[in-house]
C-alpha atoms as a PDB file:
ATOM      1  CA  MET A   1     -14.713  -8.513  16.935  1.00  0.00           C
ATOM      2  CA  SER A   2     -12.380 -10.540  18.622  1.00  0.00           C
ATOM      3  CA  THR A   3      -9.106 -11.791  17.457  1.00  0.00           C
ATOM      4  CA  HIS A   4      -9.773 -15.242  17.205  1.00  0.00           C
ATOM      5  CA  THR A   5     -13.509 -14.458  15.163  1.00  0.00           C
ATOM      6  CA  LEU A   6     -11.280 -11.906  12.788  1.00  0.00           C
ATOM      7  CA  LYS A   7      -8.804 -14.533  12.444  1.00  0.00           C
ATOM      8  CA  ALA A   8     -11.553 -17.061  11.254  1.00  0.00           C
ATOM      9  CA  SER A   9     -12.858 -14.415   8.448  1.00  0.00           C
ATOM     10  CA  SER A  10     -11.837 -13.484   5.260  1.00  0.00           C
ATOM     11  CA  ILE A  11     -10.965 -10.141   6.294  1.00  0.00           C
ATOM     12  CA  TRP A  12      -8.003 -11.565   7.805  1.00  0.00           C
ATOM     13  CA  LYS A  13      -5.667 -12.093   5.040  1.00  0.00           C
ATOM     14  CA  ASP A  14      -6.666  -8.326   3.955  1.00  0.00           C
ATOM     15  CA  PHE A  15      -5.260  -7.306   7.426  1.00  0.00           C
ATOM     16  CA  SER A  16      -2.124  -9.562   7.571  1.00  0.00           C
ATOM     17  CA  GLU A  17      -1.525  -8.232   4.432  1.00  0.00           C
ATOM     18  CA  LEU A  18      -1.619  -4.151   5.355  1.00  0.00           C
ATOM     19  CA  SER A  19       0.018  -5.024   8.563  1.00  0.00           C
ATOM     20  CA  THR A  20       3.258  -5.366   6.612  1.00  0.00           C
ATOM     21  CA  ILE A  21       3.436  -1.580   6.390  1.00  0.00           C
ATOM     22  CA  TYR A  22       3.670  -1.751   9.852  1.00  0.00           C
ATOM     23  CA  GLY A  23       6.863  -3.945  10.139  1.00  0.00           C
ATOM     24  CA  GLY A  24       4.626  -7.370  10.644  1.00  0.00           C
ATOM     25  CA  LYS A  25       2.932  -5.820  13.614  1.00  0.00           C
ATOM     26  CA  GLN A  26      -0.478  -6.842  13.690  1.00  0.00           C
ATOM     27  CA  THR A  27      -2.139  -4.214  16.049  1.00  0.00           C
ATOM     28  CA  LEU A  28      -5.481  -2.539  15.003  1.00  0.00           C
ATOM     29  CA  VAL A  29      -4.664   0.939  13.882  1.00  0.00           C
ATOM     30  CA  HIS A  30      -6.813   4.286  12.671  1.00  0.00           C
ATOM     31  CA  GLY A  31      -9.780   2.421  12.453  1.00  0.00           C
ATOM     32  CA  ALA A  32     -10.453  -0.681   9.837  1.00  0.00           C
ATOM     33  CA  PRO A  33      -7.869  -1.552   7.254  1.00  0.00           C
ATOM     34  CA  TRP A  34      -9.312  -4.147   6.286  1.00  0.00           C
ATOM     35  CA  LEU A  35     -12.285  -2.165   5.049  1.00  0.00           C
ATOM     36  CA  VAL A  36     -10.069  -0.324   2.582  1.00  0.00           C
ATOM     37  CA  PRO A  37     -10.846  -1.017  -1.486  1.00  0.00           C
ATOM     38  CA  ARG A  38      -8.065  -2.893  -2.704  1.00  0.00           C
ATOM     39  CA  THR A  39      -6.238  -2.454  -6.019  1.00  0.00           C
ATOM     40  CA  ARG A  40      -5.240  -5.073  -8.134  1.00  0.00           C
ATOM     41  CA  ARG A  41      -1.609  -4.916  -9.875  1.00  0.00           C
ATOM     42  CA  LEU A  42      -2.121  -2.933 -12.983  1.00  0.00           C
ATOM     43  CA  SER A  43      -0.462  -2.791 -16.357  1.00  0.00           C
ATOM     44  CA  ILE A  44       0.345   0.757 -17.047  1.00  0.00           C
ATOM     45  CA  GLN A  45       1.750   2.838 -20.150  1.00  0.00           C
ATOM     46  CA  CYS A  46       1.867   6.372 -19.612  1.00  0.00           C
ATOM     47  CA  GLY A  47       5.335   7.070 -21.404  1.00  0.00           C
ATOM     48  CA  VAL A  48       7.946   9.717 -19.862  1.00  0.00           C
ATOM     49  CA  ARG A  49       7.017  13.078 -19.347  1.00  0.00           C
ATOM     50  CA  PHE A  50       8.784  15.975 -18.260  1.00  0.00           C
ATOM     51  CA  ARG A  51       6.748  17.687 -15.029  1.00  0.00           C
ATOM     52  CA  PRO A  52       7.700  21.128 -14.254  1.00  0.00           C
ATOM     53  CA  CYS A  53       7.892  22.806 -10.697  1.00  0.00           C
ATOM     54  CA  ILE A  54       7.210  25.807  -9.086  1.00  0.00           C
ATOM     55  CA  ASP A  55       8.355  25.863  -5.503  1.00  0.00           C
ATOM     56  CA  ILE A  56       7.610  28.873  -3.030  1.00  0.00           C
ATOM     57  CA  HIS A  57       9.110  29.989  -0.002  1.00  0.00           C
ATOM     58  CA  LYS A  58       8.145  33.277   1.529  1.00  0.00           C
ATOM     59  CA  GLY A  59       6.158  34.131  -1.634  1.00  0.00           C
ATOM     60  CA  LYS A  60       8.924  34.046  -3.860  1.00  0.00           C
ATOM     61  CA  VAL A  61       9.871  30.832  -6.543  1.00  0.00           C
ATOM     62  CA  LYS A  62      13.129  29.384  -4.618  1.00  0.00           C
ATOM     63  CA  GLN A  63      15.572  26.548  -5.401  1.00  0.00           C
ATOM     64  CA  ILE A  64      15.970  25.096  -2.013  1.00  0.00           C
ATOM     65  CA  VAL A  65      18.194  21.939  -0.598  1.00  0.00           C
ATOM     66  CA  GLY A  66      15.153  20.323   0.759  1.00  0.00           C
ATOM     67  CA  SER A  67      16.976  18.606   3.851  1.00  0.00           C
ATOM     68  CA  THR A  68      17.868  21.428   4.905  1.00  0.00           C
ATOM     69  CA  LEU A  69      14.396  23.262   4.944  1.00  0.00           C
ATOM     70  CA  ARG A  70      13.811  23.473   8.799  1.00  0.00           C
ATOM     71  CA  ASP A  71      11.156  25.697  10.647  1.00  0.00           C
ATOM     72  CA  LEU A  72      14.021  28.068  10.984  1.00  0.00           C
ATOM     73  CA  LYS A  73      14.408  31.050  13.049  1.00  0.00           C
ATOM     74  CA  GLU A  74      14.913  34.291  11.148  1.00  0.00           C
ATOM     75  CA  GLY A  75      18.560  34.535   9.835  1.00  0.00           C
ATOM     76  CA  ASP A  76      19.014  31.067  10.287  1.00  0.00           C
ATOM     77  CA  SER A  77      21.642  29.826   7.981  1.00  0.00           C
ATOM     78  CA  SER A  78      21.235  26.384   8.117  1.00  0.00           C
ATOM     79  CA  LEU A  79      18.686  27.131   4.902  1.00  0.00           C
ATOM     80  CA  ILE A  80      20.684  26.090   1.815  1.00  0.00           C
ATOM     81  CA  THR A  81      18.963  28.083  -1.101  1.00  0.00           C
ATOM     82  CA  ASN A  82      20.373  27.218  -4.800  1.00  0.00           C
ATOM     83  CA  TYR A  83      18.627  30.145  -6.776  1.00  0.00           C
ATOM     84  CA  GLU A  84      15.962  32.760  -5.676  1.00  0.00           C
ATOM     85  CA  SER A  85      14.056  33.822  -8.974  1.00  0.00           C
ATOM     86  CA  ASP A  86      13.210  37.485 -10.066  1.00  0.00           C
ATOM     87  CA  LEU A  87       9.997  35.787 -11.478  1.00  0.00           C
ATOM     88  CA  SER A  88       6.727  35.249 -10.105  1.00  0.00           C
ATOM     89  CA  ALA A  89       5.190  31.973  -9.398  1.00  0.00           C
ATOM     90  CA  SER A  90       2.192  33.046 -11.998  1.00  0.00           C
ATOM     91  CA  GLU A  91       4.850  33.952 -14.649  1.00  0.00           C
ATOM     92  CA  TYR A  92       6.112  30.302 -14.542  1.00  0.00           C
ATOM     93  CA  ALA A  93       2.788  28.671 -14.453  1.00  0.00           C
ATOM     94  CA  GLN A  94       2.387  31.005 -17.465  1.00  0.00           C
ATOM     95  CA  MET A  95       5.694  29.891 -19.151  1.00  0.00           C
ATOM     96  CA  TYR A  96       4.427  25.879 -18.523  1.00  0.00           C
ATOM     97  CA  LYS A  97       1.126  26.718 -19.886  1.00  0.00           C
ATOM     98  CA  ASP A  98       2.524  28.579 -23.196  1.00  0.00           C
ATOM     99  CA  ASP A  99       4.724  25.568 -23.206  1.00  0.00           C
ATOM    100  CA  GLY A 100       2.159  22.732 -23.106  1.00  0.00           C
ATOM    101  CA  LEU A 101       3.413  21.585 -19.992  1.00  0.00           C
ATOM    102  CA  THR A 102       1.072  20.034 -17.999  1.00  0.00           C
ATOM    103  CA  GLY A 103       0.685  17.753 -14.421  1.00  0.00           C
ATOM    104  CA  GLY A 104       3.423  20.483 -12.724  1.00  0.00           C
ATOM    105  CA  HIS A 105       3.372  20.960  -9.230  1.00  0.00           C
ATOM    106  CA  VAL A 106       3.183  24.133  -6.852  1.00  0.00           C
ATOM    107  CA  ILE A 107       5.050  23.539  -4.001  1.00  0.00           C
ATOM    108  CA  MET A 108       4.417  25.775  -0.897  1.00  0.00           C
ATOM    109  CA  LEU A 109       7.755  25.733   1.310  1.00  0.00           C
ATOM    110  CA  GLY A 110       5.766  26.796   4.491  1.00  0.00           C
ATOM    111  CA  ALA A 111       2.815  27.726   5.585  1.00  0.00           C
ATOM    112  CA  ASP A 112       2.681  31.445   5.100  1.00  0.00           C
ATOM    113  CA  PRO A 113       0.388  33.945   3.475  1.00  0.00           C
ATOM    114  CA  LEU A 114       2.747  35.072   1.139  1.00  0.00           C
ATOM    115  CA  SER A 115       3.451  31.472  -0.187  1.00  0.00           C
ATOM    116  CA  GLU A 116      -0.048  30.504  -0.085  1.00  0.00           C
ATOM    117  CA  ALA A 117      -1.134  33.966  -2.217  1.00  0.00           C
ATOM    118  CA  ALA A 118       1.797  32.932  -4.750  1.00  0.00           C
ATOM    119  CA  ALA A 119       0.693  29.365  -4.962  1.00  0.00           C
ATOM    120  CA  VAL A 120      -3.044  30.521  -5.900  1.00  0.00           C
ATOM    121  CA  GLU A 121      -1.971  33.145  -8.225  1.00  0.00           C
ATOM    122  CA  ALA A 122      -0.030  30.184  -9.982  1.00  0.00           C
ATOM    123  CA  LEU A 123      -3.263  28.201 -10.240  1.00  0.00           C
ATOM    124  CA  HIS A 124      -5.068  31.462 -11.833  1.00  0.00           C
ATOM    125  CA  ALA A 125      -2.328  31.496 -14.150  1.00  0.00           C
ATOM    126  CA  TYR A 126      -2.956  27.882 -15.398  1.00  0.00           C
ATOM    127  CA  PRO A 127      -6.350  26.418 -14.023  1.00  0.00           C
ATOM    128  CA  GLY A 128      -6.204  22.977 -14.363  1.00  0.00           C
ATOM    129  CA  GLY A 129      -2.710  22.284 -15.292  1.00  0.00           C
ATOM    130  CA  LEU A 130      -0.712  22.614 -12.127  1.00  0.00           C
ATOM    131  CA  GLN A 131      -1.262  20.495  -8.738  1.00  0.00           C
ATOM    132  CA  VAL A 132      -0.380  22.122  -5.615  1.00  0.00           C
ATOM    133  CA  GLY A 133       0.769  21.019  -1.912  1.00  0.00           C
ATOM    134  CA  GLY A 134       2.417  22.130   0.779  1.00  0.00           C
ATOM    135  CA  GLY A 135       0.322  22.105   4.372  1.00  0.00           C
ATOM    136  CA  VAL A 136      -2.633  20.062   2.446  1.00  0.00           C
ATOM    137  CA  ASN A 137      -5.699  18.749   4.751  1.00  0.00           C
ATOM    138  CA  SER A 138      -8.918  17.611   4.715  1.00  0.00           C
ATOM    139  CA  SER A 139     -10.233  20.782   5.699  1.00  0.00           C
ATOM    140  CA  ASN A 140      -8.655  23.144   3.026  1.00  0.00           C
ATOM    141  CA  ALA A 141      -8.176  20.712   0.152  1.00  0.00           C
ATOM    142  CA  LEU A 142     -10.980  21.662  -1.798  1.00  0.00           C
ATOM    143  CA  SER A 143     -10.551  24.992  -1.479  1.00  0.00           C
ATOM    144  CA  TYR A 144      -7.549  24.570  -3.647  1.00  0.00           C
ATOM    145  CA  ILE A 145      -9.266  22.442  -6.261  1.00  0.00           C
ATOM    146  CA  ASP A 146     -11.551  25.738  -6.594  1.00  0.00           C
ATOM    147  CA  GLU A 147      -9.191  27.982  -7.051  1.00  0.00           C
ATOM    148  CA  GLY A 148      -7.564  25.849 -10.425  1.00  0.00           C
ATOM    149  CA  ALA A 149      -5.527  22.579  -8.872  1.00  0.00           C
ATOM    150  CA  SER A 150      -5.749  19.752 -11.089  1.00  0.00           C
ATOM    151  CA  HIS A 151      -4.703  17.676  -7.948  1.00  0.00           C
ATOM    152  CA  VAL A 152      -3.265  18.386  -4.093  1.00  0.00           C
ATOM    153  CA  ILE A 153      -0.042  16.788  -2.870  1.00  0.00           C
ATOM    154  CA  VAL A 154      -0.327  15.704   0.454  1.00  0.00           C
ATOM    155  CA  THR A 155       2.398  14.023   2.798  1.00  0.00           C
ATOM    156  CA  SER A 156       2.539  14.754   6.381  1.00  0.00           C
ATOM    157  CA  TYR A 157      -1.079  15.015   6.756  1.00  0.00           C
ATOM    158  CA  VAL A 158      -1.483  11.056   6.094  1.00  0.00           C
ATOM    159  CA  PHE A 159       1.582   9.844   7.160  1.00  0.00           C
ATOM    160  CA  ASN A 160       0.994  10.913  10.957  1.00  0.00           C
ATOM    161  CA  ASN A 161       3.373  10.050  13.810  1.00  0.00           C
ATOM    162  CA  GLY A 162       5.300   7.396  11.720  1.00  0.00           C
ATOM    163  CA  GLN A 163       2.525   5.734   9.973  1.00  0.00           C
ATOM    164  CA  VAL A 164       0.069   5.984   7.630  1.00  0.00           C
ATOM    165  CA  ASP A 165      -3.430   7.338   9.385  1.00  0.00           C
ATOM    166  CA  PHE A 166      -5.796   5.636   7.610  1.00  0.00           C
ATOM    167  CA  GLU A 167      -8.755   7.951   8.763  1.00  0.00           C
ATOM    168  CA  ARG A 168      -7.339  11.136   6.899  1.00  0.00           C
ATOM    169  CA  LEU A 169      -6.805   8.967   3.999  1.00  0.00           C
ATOM    170  CA  LYS A 170      -9.770   7.982   3.487  1.00  0.00           C
ATOM    171  CA  GLU A 171     -11.524  11.744   4.762  1.00  0.00           C
ATOM    172  CA  LEU A 172      -9.373  13.111   1.720  1.00  0.00           C
ATOM    173  CA  ALA A 173      -9.982  10.165  -0.940  1.00  0.00           C
ATOM    174  CA  ARG A 174     -14.050  11.131   0.085  1.00  0.00           C
ATOM    175  CA  THR A 175     -13.145  14.691   0.057  1.00  0.00           C
ATOM    176  CA  VAL A 176     -11.247  15.405  -3.408  1.00  0.00           C
ATOM    177  CA  GLY A 177     -11.399  12.137  -4.962  1.00  0.00           C
ATOM    178  CA  LYS A 178      -9.155   9.644  -5.913  1.00  0.00           C
ATOM    179  CA  GLN A 179      -8.814  11.110  -9.250  1.00  0.00           C
ATOM    180  CA  ARG A 180      -7.497  14.652  -7.249  1.00  0.00           C
ATOM    181  CA  LEU A 181      -5.247  12.942  -4.999  1.00  0.00           C
ATOM    182  CA  VAL A 182      -1.682  12.851  -5.300  1.00  0.00           C
ATOM    183  CA  LEU A 183       0.389  11.097  -2.465  1.00  0.00           C
ATOM    184  CA  ASP A 184       4.074  12.426  -1.801  1.00  0.00           C
ATOM    185  CA  LEU A 185       6.051   9.641  -1.057  1.00  0.00           C
ATOM    186  CA  SER A 186       9.564  11.445  -1.003  1.00  0.00           C
ATOM    187  CA  CYS A 187      11.849   9.004   0.925  1.00  0.00           C
ATOM    188  CA  ARG A 188      15.183   8.643   2.360  1.00  0.00           C
ATOM    189  CA  LYS A 189      17.557   5.516   2.350  1.00  0.00           C
ATOM    190  CA  LYS A 190      17.484   4.156   6.069  1.00  0.00           C
ATOM    191  CA  ASP A 191      18.713  -0.001   6.448  1.00  0.00           C
ATOM    192  CA  GLY A 192      19.156  -0.218   2.993  1.00  0.00           C
ATOM    193  CA  LYS A 193      15.413   0.704   2.146  1.00  0.00           C
ATOM    194  CA  TYR A 194      13.537   3.103   1.133  1.00  0.00           C
ATOM    195  CA  ALA A 195      11.286   4.691   3.640  1.00  0.00           C
ATOM    196  CA  VAL A 196       8.861   7.883   3.189  1.00  0.00           C
ATOM    197  CA  VAL A 197      10.023  10.942   5.132  1.00  0.00           C
ATOM    198  CA  THR A 198       7.504  13.695   6.171  1.00  0.00           C
ATOM    199  CA  ASP A 199       7.210  17.130   8.280  1.00  0.00           C
ATOM    200  CA  ARG A 200      10.283  19.093   5.511  1.00  0.00           C
ATOM    201  CA  TRP A 201      11.220  15.843   5.022  1.00  0.00           C
ATOM    202  CA  GLN A 202      13.195  15.566   8.575  1.00  0.00           C
ATOM    203  CA  LYS A 203      11.183  12.731  10.038  1.00  0.00           C
ATOM    204  CA  PHE A 204      11.247   8.916   8.994  1.00  0.00           C
ATOM    205  CA  THR A 205       8.641   6.780   9.167  1.00  0.00           C
ATOM    206  CA  ASN A 206       7.905   2.974   9.473  1.00  0.00           C
ATOM    207  CA  VAL A 207       6.665   3.171   5.871  1.00  0.00           C
ATOM    208  CA  TYR A 208       8.953   1.517   3.145  1.00  0.00           C
ATOM    209  CA  LEU A 209       8.029   1.235  -0.114  1.00  0.00           C
ATOM    210  CA  ASP A 210       7.666  -1.796  -1.193  1.00  0.00           C
ATOM    211  CA  GLN A 211       4.727  -3.795  -3.703  1.00  0.00           C
ATOM    212  CA  LYS A 212       2.457  -4.281  -0.654  1.00  0.00           C
ATOM    213  CA  VAL A 213       2.685  -0.494   0.328  1.00  0.00           C
ATOM    214  CA  LEU A 214       2.733   1.028  -3.345  1.00  0.00           C
ATOM    215  CA  ASP A 215      -0.213  -1.344  -4.210  1.00  0.00           C
ATOM    216  CA  PHE A 216      -2.513  -0.306  -1.026  1.00  0.00           C
ATOM    217  CA  LEU A 217      -1.811   3.735  -1.255  1.00  0.00           C
ATOM    218  CA  ALA A 218      -2.844   3.177  -4.938  1.00  0.00           C
ATOM    219  CA  SER A 219      -6.308   2.458  -4.387  1.00  0.00           C
ATOM    220  CA  TYR A 220      -6.432   5.885  -2.942  1.00  0.00           C
ATOM    221  CA  ALA A 221      -4.309   8.062  -4.852  1.00  0.00           C
ATOM    222  CA  ASP A 222      -4.165   8.984  -8.711  1.00  0.00           C
ATOM    223  CA  GLU A 223      -0.400   9.562  -8.423  1.00  0.00           C
ATOM    224  CA  PHE A 224       2.422   9.428  -6.441  1.00  0.00           C
ATOM    225  CA  LEU A 225       5.048  12.134  -6.363  1.00  0.00           C
ATOM    226  CA  VAL A 226       8.535  11.090  -5.245  1.00  0.00           C
ATOM    227  CA  HIS A 227      11.566  13.049  -4.091  1.00  0.00           C
ATOM    228  CA  GLY A 228      15.038  11.319  -3.902  1.00  0.00           C
ATOM    229  CA  VAL A 229      15.432  13.342  -0.721  1.00  0.00           C
ATOM    230  CA  ASP A 230      19.351  12.112  -0.338  1.00  0.00           C
ATOM    231  CA  VAL A 231      20.306  13.316  -3.811  1.00  0.00           C
ATOM    232  CA  GLU A 232      17.617  16.462  -3.801  1.00  0.00           C
ATOM    233  CA  GLY A 233      18.462  19.597  -4.633  1.00  0.00           C
ATOM    234  CA  LYS A 234      22.422  18.756  -5.024  1.00  0.00           C
ATOM    235  CA  LYS A 235      23.069  18.295  -8.721  1.00  0.00           C
ATOM    236  CA  LEU A 236      25.069  15.196  -7.851  1.00  0.00           C
ATOM    237  CA  GLY A 237      23.257  12.812 -10.283  1.00  0.00           C
ATOM    238  CA  ILE A 238      19.672  10.790  -9.793  1.00  0.00           C
ATOM    239  CA  ASP A 239      19.298   7.850  -7.309  1.00  0.00           C
ATOM    240  CA  GLU A 240      18.689   5.388 -10.042  1.00  0.00           C
ATOM    241  CA  GLU A 241      18.012   2.490  -7.600  1.00  0.00           C
ATOM    242  CA  LEU A 242      14.703   4.406  -6.671  1.00  0.00           C
ATOM    243  CA  VAL A 243      14.051   5.240 -10.563  1.00  0.00           C
ATOM    244  CA  GLU A 244      14.218   1.311 -10.687  1.00  0.00           C
ATOM    245  CA  LEU A 245      11.908   0.345  -8.292  1.00  0.00           C
ATOM    246  CA  LEU A 246       9.262   3.236  -9.066  1.00  0.00           C
ATOM    247  CA  GLY A 247       9.115   1.782 -12.625  1.00  0.00           C
ATOM    248  CA  ARG A 248       9.366  -1.901 -11.343  1.00  0.00           C
ATOM    249  CA  LEU A 249       6.126  -1.427  -8.730  1.00  0.00           C
ATOM    250  CA  SER A 250       4.214   1.325  -9.057  1.00  0.00           C
ATOM    251  CA  SER A 251       0.463   0.933 -10.458  1.00  0.00           C
ATOM    252  CA  ILE A 252      -0.556   4.195 -11.167  1.00  0.00           C
ATOM    253  CA  PRO A 253       1.602   7.435 -12.808  1.00  0.00           C
ATOM    254  CA  VAL A 254       4.394   8.577 -10.582  1.00  0.00           C
ATOM    255  CA  THR A 255       6.901  11.429 -10.987  1.00  0.00           C
ATOM    256  CA  TYR A 256      10.700  10.936  -9.724  1.00  0.00           C
ATOM    257  CA  ALA A 257      12.328  14.275  -8.524  1.00  0.00           C
ATOM    258  CA  GLY A 258      15.910  14.435  -7.257  1.00  0.00           C
ATOM    259  CA  GLY A 259      19.580  15.077  -8.939  1.00  0.00           C
ATOM    260  CA  VAL A 260      18.841  15.802 -12.365  1.00  0.00           C
ATOM    261  CA  THR A 261      21.795  17.420 -13.597  1.00  0.00           C
ATOM    262  CA  THR A 262      21.931  16.846 -17.797  1.00  0.00           C
ATOM    263  CA  MET A 263      19.767  15.683 -20.324  1.00  0.00           C
ATOM    264  CA  ALA A 264      21.908  12.203 -20.139  1.00  0.00           C
ATOM    265  CA  ASP A 265      19.967  12.095 -16.575  1.00  0.00           C
ATOM    266  CA  LEU A 266      16.439  12.439 -18.466  1.00  0.00           C
ATOM    267  CA  GLU A 267      17.679   9.209 -20.531  1.00  0.00           C
ATOM    268  CA  ARG A 268      18.995   7.110 -17.586  1.00  0.00           C
ATOM    269  CA  ILE A 269      15.598   7.656 -15.518  1.00  0.00           C
ATOM    270  CA  LYS A 270      13.598   6.704 -18.900  1.00  0.00           C
ATOM    271  CA  ILE A 271      15.429   3.354 -19.025  1.00  0.00           C
ATOM    272  CA  ALA A 272      15.986   2.753 -15.080  1.00  0.00           C
ATOM    273  CA  GLY A 273      11.954   3.563 -15.168  1.00  0.00           C
ATOM    274  CA  LEU A 274      10.876   1.419 -17.741  1.00  0.00           C
ATOM    275  CA  GLY A 275       9.343   4.216 -19.678  1.00  0.00           C
ATOM    276  CA  ARG A 276       6.868   4.567 -16.958  1.00  0.00           C
ATOM    277  CA  VAL A 277       8.385   7.168 -14.489  1.00  0.00           C
ATOM    278  CA  ASP A 278       7.923  10.678 -15.252  1.00  0.00           C
ATOM    279  CA  VAL A 279      10.638  13.334 -14.410  1.00  0.00           C
ATOM    280  CA  THR A 280      11.182  16.634 -12.517  1.00  0.00           C
ATOM    281  CA  VAL A 281      14.429  19.026 -13.169  1.00  0.00           C
ATOM    282  CA  GLY A 282      14.433  21.906 -10.620  1.00  0.00           C
ATOM    283  CA  SER A 283      17.893  23.551  -9.693  1.00  0.00           C
ATOM    284  CA  ALA A 284      19.643  21.727 -12.599  1.00  0.00           C
ATOM    285  CA  LEU A 285      17.441  24.156 -15.519  1.00  0.00           C
ATOM    286  CA  ASN A 286      18.563  27.546 -16.382  1.00  0.00           C
ATOM    287  CA  ILE A 287      15.496  29.246 -15.416  1.00  0.00           C
ATOM    288  CA  PHE A 288      16.423  28.590 -11.821  1.00  0.00           C
ATOM    289  CA  GLY A 289      20.280  29.420 -12.251  1.00  0.00           C
ATOM    290  CA  GLY A 290      21.481  26.289 -13.324  1.00  0.00           C
ATOM    291  CA  ASN A 291      23.038  25.174 -16.566  1.00  0.00           C
ATOM    292  CA  LEU A 292      20.591  22.758 -18.186  1.00  0.00           C
ATOM    293  CA  PRO A 293      18.682  24.433 -20.875  1.00  0.00           C
ATOM    294  CA  TYR A 294      15.056  24.660 -20.540  1.00  0.00           C
ATOM    295  CA  LYS A 295      14.173  24.564 -23.823  1.00  0.00           C
ATOM    296  CA  ASP A 296      16.401  21.250 -24.148  1.00  0.00           C
ATOM    297  CA  VAL A 297      14.032  19.666 -21.707  1.00  0.00           C
ATOM    298  CA  ILE A 298      10.971  20.794 -24.001  1.00  0.00           C
ATOM    299  CA  ILE A 299      12.160  19.073 -26.827  1.00  0.00           C
ATOM    300  CA  TRP A 300      13.426  16.101 -24.896  1.00  0.00           C
ATOM    301  CA  HIS A 301       9.510  15.992 -23.783  1.00  0.00           C
ATOM    302  CA  SER A 302       8.098  16.924 -27.252  1.00  0.00           C
ATOM    303  CA  GLN A 303      10.284  13.834 -28.685  1.00  0.00           C
ATOM    304  CA  GLN A 304       8.733  11.304 -25.882  1.00  0.00           C
ATOM    305  CA  LYS A 305       4.990  12.203 -26.897  1.00  0.00           C
ATOM    306  CA  THR A 306       6.138  11.481 -30.842  1.00  0.00           C
ATOM    307  CA  THR A 307       7.412   8.196 -29.936  1.00  0.00           C
ATOM    308  CA  GLU A 308       4.678   7.336 -27.734  1.00  0.00           C
ATOM    309  CA  ALA A 309       2.367   8.043 -30.354  1.00  0.00           C
END
C-alpha cells in the first residue's frame, strides 16, 4: 500500500495516533500497527490493594536496589543488596496465601537455573495467586502459566531496541491471552517525562507514559506493573507524580512499586492515585529487614476491602 493510498484510507488516523509513541515519526515499524485493536478509555473501579512481592536473585529471596542490577561479574561490588532472606521463595508464597493476598509478583532478577527453580516452587506453593516475571518471552510464557502463575510479566522482550516490538507484543497476547499478560512499564524520569526502561532498568526506551501509549498498551494487557526506578529500593519516599499519572491515565488495573517507607506512604498512594493504583512494598517491610510491620500493611489492606465493600 502506498503512502498516498494509506493517507486516503480510514486506517491512516490510527497509524498517525500510534506514531506518537515514536515522537511523531511516521514509519512502519514491526509490521502493521494499525491492525491492533484499539481500547476506549474505560472507567475502572479497582480499589486500592497491597500486592506482595518475591524478588529472587541466584535462587535467594533478596531486596536489591534495582538500578544497581546489571550483568555483573562474580564479586562485583556495584550491586547493592538491602536484604537477603533465610526463608525460601515458597515460604513467602505460603505466607501470602495464608494471608489471603492475591496478585503478588515473583520476579527473577537474572536468568539462572536457581532463580527459575525457586520461582517455580513459589508458584507451586500458591497456584493461581502469583504473577511471574523475569526473562519471560513467547517461548516460555505458557510454561509458567502451567506451573501455576496467574499472569506473566513482560518488559524487555516487548520493548526491544528502544521501542515497542508490535510483533512480539501480539505474539505474547495470542500465546497466553490478554487476560494473563502484565506489562511492566517501570520507568525513569528523562527530560521531564517518564520513559520506560528495560534490561535491568539500565536502558531507556523512546516510549514515554502518556494517555495514547497507555491506552494502546492496555488493549493487549490485563494489568500494568510500574516501578518508580528513581526511588525503588532506596526507602526515600514514593514518586507521587508518577502515582498521580497512573491513577489518572491508566484504563486497566495498575500496581505501583518504589519508595514506600511508612504507612503514610500507602495513604499518599491511595490519594494521589485516586483510589485506582495498587501498591507493592519491598525493602521497607520487616519481613525483608525493614521497619514497616508486615502485619500493619495486611490490616491496612483489609480496611481497603472493607471500605470498598
